Amino acid sequence: MRRNAPKLLITSILLAAAFLGTTSAKANKLELTPANFIECNTDGVDCRAHNVAWERFMSEYSFGISPKLLAPSSTLGYSGFYLGIEASIATIPSSGAKVFMPASKNYEDARWRIGTGEYNQEPPAMLFPTIHVRKGLPWSLEVGSSISYLAQSELVALGGEVKWAPFEGYRKGFRGVLPDIAARGTVNRILGESDVDMTILGVDGSIGVPFGIGGMIALEPYAGYQYTWTFIRTEPMMIRTYDANYNVSAFHESEADSYDVSESGLTGPDLGRHKIYFGLNFRYEILSITMDWTWGLPMDWTTKEGFDSNGNMLSDGAEFNDAKVHVDTQFSFAFGAGLQF
């Protein structure tokens, strides 16, 4: 098994590379198109942003590309090292994938089709393959780095993490009943998107109990809580708007006579998200397999909206309305296989 494990991992990496090559050749169904959340009249004289739909969509979108745990509460030990290939699949809320019809003002109902440019096709689930490296350090510390790719997009995430397990190693006496408890900080820096600047920070805490089977297999179930902050800033972009007959008007935002980024444009929200997760780590010699399940909990907040409750654009110069944004529960499953030694 010790000789076969490296071959298994290398084969998995080659298969993943082949898969990514095929998905990149397809249409980028999950490419961000934030300008589609801006609605203008056909000559671009007056524009307003659908910020409720925009912020709800970006909260759901960032859930799929936020840092994943995929590691037990215990660290690798001061000389330990892990190299693995991982992948997560996040659900897309069906409530946001309705067919886009400009005449009905259903920007929020169709937010996923609008936000990814797939007006007449429901986007698939979000697949997020990752290559992950972790290194153990003294004093029960661990650092890690990752590179991830969102399938069917040009988006890449560079990640970093630091973990500390303060009670690790106490396996004798009364302290032997203590579970492993870990605190971790993470960051994912998103690249490959010209219209949006995005960084996702996370903090989490987990608890796990390792035990052995037959002196050869180690299992560690774990569970925890994570909170993430997504920092979003938008760049000047091309605006595309549709009238009731699906006629398209496209122009740069600087061409809109009354378009003011500070007043009429998309918000640059700082979005938070609560998550709970549980997982299982399996180890045999140097082979390590991990899987976990994550739930993004519902959240509500208030933003500024450029439209009234009937979906009609506010008049030029009118103050934006306070509007409620609601995000439903989301689910993701992650799986990883690697070499740990």
Protein backbone atom coordinates (compact mmCIF):
# COMPACT_ATOMS: atom_id res chain seq x y z
CA MET A 1 0.00 0.00 0.00
CA ARG A 2 2.86 2.36 0.78
CA ARG A 3 4.16 2.01 -2.79
CA ASN A 4 0.72 2.20 -4.37
CA ALA A 5 -0.44 5.37 -2.58
CA PRO A 6 1.87 7.79 -4.50
CA LYS A 7 0.79 6.16 -7.78
CA LEU A 8 -2.86 6.59 -6.79
CA LEU A 9 -2.38 10.28 -6.03
CA ILE A 10 -0.41 10.94 -9.23
CA THR A 11 -3.10 9.18 -11.27
CA SER A 12 -5.77 11.28 -9.57
CA ILE A 13 -3.91 14.50 -10.35
CA LEU A 14 -3.53 13.51 -14.02
CA LEU A 15 -7.23 12.65 -14.26
CA ALA A 16 -8.14 15.97 -12.64
CA ALA A 17 -5.90 17.86 -15.08
CA ALA A 18 -7.60 16.10 -18.00
CA PHE A 19 -11.00 16.96 -16.57
CA LEU A 20 -10.08 20.62 -16.10
CA GLY A 21 -8.82 20.73 -19.66
CA THR A 22 -12.18 19.53 -20.99
CA THR A 23 -14.21 21.89 -18.83
CA SER A 24 -12.11 24.91 -19.82
CA ALA A 25 -12.83 24.18 -23.46
CA LYS A 26 -16.56 24.45 -22.85
CA ALA A 27 -18.58 27.62 -22.52
CA ASN A 28 -17.82 29.46 -19.29
CA LYS A 29 -21.23 29.00 -17.73
CA LEU A 30 -20.09 30.33 -14.34
CA GLU A 31 -18.23 33.43 -15.53
CA LEU A 32 -19.29 36.53 -13.61
CA THR A 33 -21.29 39.18 -15.52
CA PRO A 34 -22.03 41.79 -12.81
CA ALA A 35 -22.95 44.54 -15.28
CA ASN A 36 -26.14 42.66 -16.09
CA PHE A 37 -27.53 43.69 -12.68
CA ILE A 38 -27.60 47.32 -13.88
CA GLU A 39 -30.77 48.34 -15.70
CA CYS A 40 -30.81 51.40 -17.96
CA ASN A 41 -33.18 52.93 -20.43
CA THR A 42 -32.22 52.14 -24.02
CA ASP A 43 -30.17 55.30 -24.59
CA GLY A 44 -28.30 54.98 -21.29
CA VAL A 45 -29.52 58.30 -19.95
CA ASP A 46 -30.70 56.83 -16.65
CA CYS A 47 -29.36 53.72 -14.91
CA ARG A 48 -30.03 51.97 -11.61
CA ALA A 49 -28.60 48.84 -9.98
CA HIS A 50 -30.55 45.83 -8.73
CA ASN A 51 -28.47 45.59 -5.55
CA VAL A 52 -30.73 43.14 -3.71
CA ALA A 53 -30.34 40.57 -6.50
CA TRP A 54 -26.64 41.42 -6.88
CA GLU A 55 -25.72 41.00 -3.20
CA ARG A 56 -27.80 37.84 -2.80
CA PHE A 57 -26.17 36.32 -5.87
CA MET A 58 -22.64 37.22 -4.76
CA SER A 59 -23.23 35.78 -1.27
CA GLU A 60 -24.34 32.49 -2.85
CA TYR A 61 -21.55 32.56 -5.44
CA SER A 62 -18.83 33.20 -2.85
CA PHE A 63 -20.12 30.27 -0.77
CA GLY A 64 -18.99 27.92 -3.54
CA ILE A 65 -15.45 29.37 -3.75
CA SER A 66 -14.82 30.12 -0.08
CA PRO A 67 -12.09 28.25 1.85
CA LYS A 68 -12.95 24.63 2.69
CA LEU A 69 -11.76 22.76 5.76
CA LEU A 70 -11.05 19.20 4.51
CA ALA A 71 -8.71 18.50 7.42
CA PRO A 72 -9.17 17.01 10.88
CA SER A 73 -8.74 19.04 14.05
CA SER A 74 -5.33 17.49 14.72
CA THR A 75 -2.28 18.91 12.98
CA LEU A 76 0.35 16.99 11.01
CA GLY A 77 2.97 17.20 13.76
CA TYR A 78 6.08 19.36 13.68
CA SER A 79 7.69 17.35 10.85
CA GLY A 80 4.52 16.34 9.01
CA PHE A 81 3.62 17.17 5.41
CA TYR A 82 0.48 16.72 3.29
CA LEU A 83 0.00 16.99 -0.47
CA GLY A 84 -3.45 16.32 -1.83
CA ILE A 85 -5.93 16.88 -4.60
CA GLU A 86 -9.40 17.93 -3.49
CA ALA A 87 -12.71 19.03 -4.94
CA SER A 88 -15.92 20.54 -3.63
CA ILE A 89 -19.38 20.71 -5.16
CA ALA A 90 -21.74 23.49 -4.03
CA THR A 91 -25.43 23.65 -4.81
CA ILE A 92 -27.01 26.52 -6.71
CA PRO A 93 -30.35 27.68 -5.23
CA SER A 94 -33.19 26.80 -7.59
CA SER A 95 -34.98 29.98 -6.48
CA GLY A 96 -32.43 32.06 -8.43
CA ALA A 97 -32.31 30.15 -11.71
CA LYS A 98 -35.60 31.09 -13.35
CA VAL A 99 -35.64 32.23 -16.97
CA PHE A 100 -34.76 35.91 -17.29
CA MET A 101 -37.62 38.05 -18.62
CA PRO A 102 -36.91 41.81 -18.51
CA ALA A 103 -40.56 42.75 -18.84
CA SER A 104 -41.39 40.97 -15.57
CA LYS A 105 -38.61 42.70 -13.58
CA ASN A 106 -37.61 39.34 -12.10
CA TYR A 107 -33.94 40.17 -11.52
CA GLU A 108 -33.87 38.45 -8.11
CA ASP A 109 -35.65 35.30 -9.31
CA ALA A 110 -33.21 35.01 -12.22
CA ARG A 111 -30.11 36.24 -10.38
CA TRP A 112 -27.97 33.18 -11.25
CA ARG A 113 -28.77 33.36 -14.94
CA ILE A 114 -28.13 37.11 -14.90
CA GLY A 115 -24.96 36.94 -12.80
CA THR A 116 -23.36 34.28 -15.00
CA GLY A 117 -24.73 35.43 -18.36
CA GLU A 118 -26.71 32.21 -18.91
CA TYR A 119 -30.11 33.82 -19.53
CA ASN A 120 -31.75 30.78 -21.10
CA GLN A 121 -29.87 27.97 -19.39
CA GLU A 122 -29.68 27.10 -15.72
CA PRO A 123 -26.04 27.08 -14.53
CA PRO A 124 -24.69 23.77 -13.21
CA ALA A 125 -23.54 23.16 -9.66
CA MET A 126 -20.23 24.79 -8.71
CA LEU A 127 -17.29 22.37 -8.99
CA PHE A 128 -14.12 23.68 -7.31
CA PRO A 129 -11.03 21.40 -7.74
CA THR A 130 -8.05 22.22 -5.53
CA ILE A 131 -4.40 21.26 -5.05
CA HIS A 132 -3.67 21.60 -1.33
CA VAL A 133 -0.38 21.57 0.59
CA ARG A 134 -0.07 21.60 4.41
CA LYS A 135 3.03 21.63 6.62
CA GLY A 136 3.20 20.90 10.34
CA LEU A 137 5.22 23.15 12.66
CA PRO A 138 6.28 22.99 16.32
CA TRP A 139 3.88 24.01 19.11
CA SER A 140 0.92 22.34 17.39
CA LEU A 141 0.88 24.85 14.55
CA GLU A 142 0.21 24.15 10.89
CA VAL A 143 0.35 26.27 7.74
CA GLY A 144 -1.04 25.53 4.32
CA SER A 145 -1.48 26.83 0.80
CA SER A 146 -3.80 25.95 -2.07
CA ILE A 147 -4.65 26.75 -5.66
CA SER A 148 -8.20 26.19 -6.90
CA TYR A 149 -10.10 26.54 -10.14
CA LEU A 150 -13.83 27.09 -10.61
CA ALA A 151 -14.85 24.73 -13.40
CA GLN A 152 -16.58 26.35 -16.39
CA SER A 153 -15.04 29.74 -15.63
CA GLU A 154 -11.68 31.50 -15.79
CA LEU A 155 -11.65 32.07 -12.05
CA VAL A 156 -8.68 30.90 -9.96
CA ALA A 157 -8.30 31.17 -6.18
CA LEU A 158 -4.98 31.30 -4.32
CA GLY A 159 -5.40 30.26 -0.69
CA GLY A 160 -3.48 30.36 2.56
CA GLU A 161 -4.20 29.11 6.07
CA VAL A 162 -2.83 28.90 9.61
CA LYS A 163 -4.10 26.39 12.20
CA TRP A 164 -3.40 25.87 15.90
CA ALA A 165 -4.48 22.86 18.00
CA PRO A 166 -3.70 23.76 21.64
CA PHE A 167 -4.55 20.40 23.29
CA GLU A 168 -2.95 18.15 20.71
CA GLY A 169 -0.75 15.32 21.96
CA TYR A 170 -2.32 14.83 25.38
CA ARG A 171 -3.20 11.14 25.15
CA LYS A 172 -2.28 9.96 28.66
CA GLY A 173 -3.81 10.39 32.10
CA PHE A 174 -6.89 12.50 32.62
CA ARG A 175 -5.91 14.71 29.67
CA GLY A 176 -6.21 11.72 27.37
CA VAL A 177 -9.98 12.19 27.22
CA LEU A 178 -9.61 15.67 25.78
CA PRO A 179 -10.60 15.90 22.11
CA ASP A 180 -8.51 17.76 19.56
CA ILE A 181 -9.65 21.37 19.31
CA ALA A 182 -8.33 23.62 16.55
CA ALA A 183 -8.68 27.25 15.49
CA ARG A 184 -7.86 28.27 11.93
CA GLY A 185 -7.65 31.40 9.80
CA THR A 186 -7.94 31.27 5.99
CA VAL A 187 -7.83 33.54 2.96
CA ASN A 188 -8.79 32.97 -0.69
CA ARG A 189 -7.66 35.61 -3.18
CA ILE A 190 -9.71 35.44 -6.39
CA LEU A 191 -7.99 35.98 -9.75
CA GLY A 192 -9.20 35.93 -13.34
CA GLU A 193 -12.16 38.30 -13.07
CA SER A 194 -11.71 41.76 -14.61
CA ASP A 195 -14.95 43.35 -13.36
CA VAL A 196 -14.81 42.25 -9.72
CA ASP A 197 -12.03 42.38 -7.13
CA MET A 198 -12.78 39.70 -4.52
CA THR A 199 -11.07 38.36 -1.39
CA ILE A 200 -12.61 35.85 1.03
CA LEU A 201 -11.40 35.63 4.64
CA GLY A 202 -12.49 32.94 7.08
CA VAL A 203 -12.11 31.90 10.70
CA ASP A 204 -13.23 28.54 12.02
CA GLY A 205 -13.10 26.31 15.04
CA SER A 206 -13.32 22.53 15.00
CA ILE A 207 -13.37 19.61 17.41
CA GLY A 208 -12.34 16.03 16.60
CA VAL A 209 -11.61 12.72 18.29
CA PRO A 210 -8.99 10.43 16.66
CA PHE A 211 -8.96 6.70 17.23
CA GLY A 212 -7.22 3.72 15.69
CA ILE A 213 -8.46 0.44 14.22
CA GLY A 214 -6.21 -2.60 14.28
CA GLY A 215 -3.10 -0.51 14.74
CA MET A 216 -3.02 0.33 11.02
CA ILE A 217 -6.01 2.57 10.30
CA ALA A 218 -6.65 5.95 11.92
CA LEU A 219 -10.06 7.62 11.82
CA GLU A 220 -10.90 11.11 13.01
CA PRO A 221 -14.45 12.46 12.80
CA TYR A 222 -14.66 16.21 13.30
CA ALA A 223 -17.21 19.02 13.33
CA GLY A 224 -17.04 22.78 13.55
CA TYR A 225 -18.20 26.28 12.72
CA GLN A 226 -16.85 28.79 10.19
CA TYR A 227 -17.55 32.44 9.48
CA THR A 228 -16.42 34.02 6.22
CA TRP A 229 -16.18 37.62 5.03
CA THR A 230 -16.28 38.29 1.29
CA PHE A 231 -14.86 41.67 0.28
CA ILE A 232 -16.06 42.78 -3.16
CA ARG A 233 -15.18 45.83 -5.22
CA THR A 234 -16.39 46.43 -8.77
CA GLU A 235 -14.45 47.97 -11.64
CA PRO A 236 -15.82 50.21 -14.44
CA MET A 237 -17.55 47.85 -16.83
CA MET A 238 -19.66 47.44 -19.92
CA ILE A 239 -23.38 47.72 -19.16
CA ARG A 240 -25.82 45.56 -21.10
CA THR A 241 -29.51 46.21 -20.66
CA TYR A 242 -32.60 44.67 -22.22
CA ASP A 243 -36.00 46.13 -23.00
CA ALA A 244 -39.31 44.29 -22.88
CA ASN A 245 -38.75 42.93 -26.40
CA TYR A 246 -35.30 41.56 -25.51
CA ASN A 247 -33.53 44.22 -27.56
CA VAL A 248 -29.99 44.64 -26.25
CA SER A 249 -28.28 47.94 -25.50
CA ALA A 250 -24.59 47.86 -24.55
CA PHE A 251 -22.32 50.74 -23.58
CA HIS A 252 -19.58 51.60 -21.13
CA GLU A 253 -20.82 52.91 -17.80
CA SER A 254 -19.01 56.22 -18.42
CA GLU A 255 -21.36 56.80 -21.37
CA ALA A 256 -24.46 56.82 -19.14
CA ASP A 257 -25.24 60.51 -18.64
CA SER A 258 -26.61 60.16 -15.11
CA TYR A 259 -24.63 57.09 -14.10
CA ASP A 260 -22.80 57.73 -10.83
CA VAL A 261 -20.87 54.80 -9.37
CA SER A 262 -21.17 56.22 -5.85
CA GLU A 263 -24.95 56.62 -6.08
CA SER A 264 -26.40 54.55 -8.91
CA GLY A 265 -23.94 51.71 -9.38
CA LEU A 266 -23.54 48.27 -7.88
CA THR A 267 -22.58 48.14 -4.24
CA GLY A 268 -19.18 46.86 -3.18
CA PRO A 269 -20.55 44.75 -0.34
CA ASP A 270 -18.68 43.11 2.51
CA LEU A 271 -20.69 39.92 2.84
CA GLY A 272 -20.67 37.61 5.85
CA ARG A 273 -21.77 33.96 6.02
CA HIS A 274 -22.19 31.49 8.89
CA LYS A 275 -21.40 27.83 8.21
CA ILE A 276 -21.46 24.57 10.11
CA TYR A 277 -19.72 21.42 8.93
CA PHE A 278 -18.78 17.90 9.88
CA GLY A 279 -16.35 15.49 8.29
CA LEU A 280 -14.27 12.33 8.52
CA ASN A 281 -10.56 11.76 7.95
CA PHE A 282 -9.28 8.26 7.11
CA ARG A 283 -5.55 7.42 7.17
CA TYR A 284 -3.73 4.23 6.21
CA GLU A 285 0.06 4.44 6.19
CA ILE A 286 0.73 7.58 4.10
CA LEU A 287 -2.66 7.68 2.35
CA SER A 288 -5.09 10.25 3.74
CA ILE A 289 -8.70 10.56 2.58
CA THR A 290 -11.01 13.27 3.87
CA MET A 291 -14.60 14.22 3.20
CA ASP A 292 -16.85 16.81 4.77
CA TRP A 293 -20.28 18.36 4.44
CA THR A 294 -20.95 22.08 4.90
CA TRP A 295 -24.15 24.04 5.39
CA GLY A 296 -24.25 27.77 4.73
CA LEU A 297 -26.86 29.11 7.12
CA PRO A 298 -29.59 31.64 6.13
CA MET A 299 -28.76 35.32 6.59
CA ASP A 300 -30.53 38.68 6.27
CA TRP A 301 -29.23 42.22 5.89
CA THR A 302 -30.25 45.59 4.44
CA THR A 303 -28.92 47.34 1.34
CA LYS A 304 -29.77 50.27 -0.93
CA GLU A 305 -32.01 49.49 -3.91
CA GLY A 306 -32.57 51.66 -6.98
CA PHE A 307 -36.07 50.29 -7.65
CA ASP A 308 -39.40 50.40 -5.86
CA SER A 309 -41.33 47.38 -4.56
CA ASN A 310 -42.95 46.93 -8.00
CA GLY A 311 -39.62 46.75 -9.79
CA ASN A 312 -39.87 50.22 -11.32
CA MET A 313 -36.74 52.34 -11.59
CA LEU A 314 -36.56 55.26 -9.19
CA SER A 315 -36.51 58.67 -10.82
CA ASP A 316 -33.22 60.49 -11.38
CA GLY A 317 -32.06 62.14 -8.15
CA ALA A 318 -34.36 60.09 -5.90
CA GLU A 319 -32.80 58.52 -2.82
CA PHE A 320 -32.33 54.78 -2.91
CA ASN A 321 -34.74 52.62 -0.89
CA ASP A 322 -33.68 50.48 2.04
CA ALA A 323 -34.33 46.89 1.00
CA LYS A 324 -33.92 43.52 2.70
CA VAL A 325 -31.60 40.87 1.31
CA HIS A 326 -32.25 37.25 2.29
CA VAL A 327 -29.99 34.27 1.57
CA ASP A 328 -31.29 30.71 1.99
CA THR A 329 -29.44 27.65 3.20
CA GLN A 330 -26.78 26.27 0.85
CA PHE A 331 -24.99 22.95 0.89
CA SER A 332 -21.61 21.73 -0.30
CA PHE A 333 -19.76 18.43 -0.25
CA ALA A 334 -15.96 18.21 -0.41
CA PHE A 335 -13.63 15.25 -0.93
CA GLY A 336 -9.85 15.03 -0.81
CA ALA A 337 -7.17 12.36 -1.24
CA GLY A 338 -3.50 12.92 -0.54
CA LEU A 339 -0.19 11.74 0.83
CA GLN A 340 0.54 12.48 4.50
CA PHE A 341 3.93 11.74 5.95
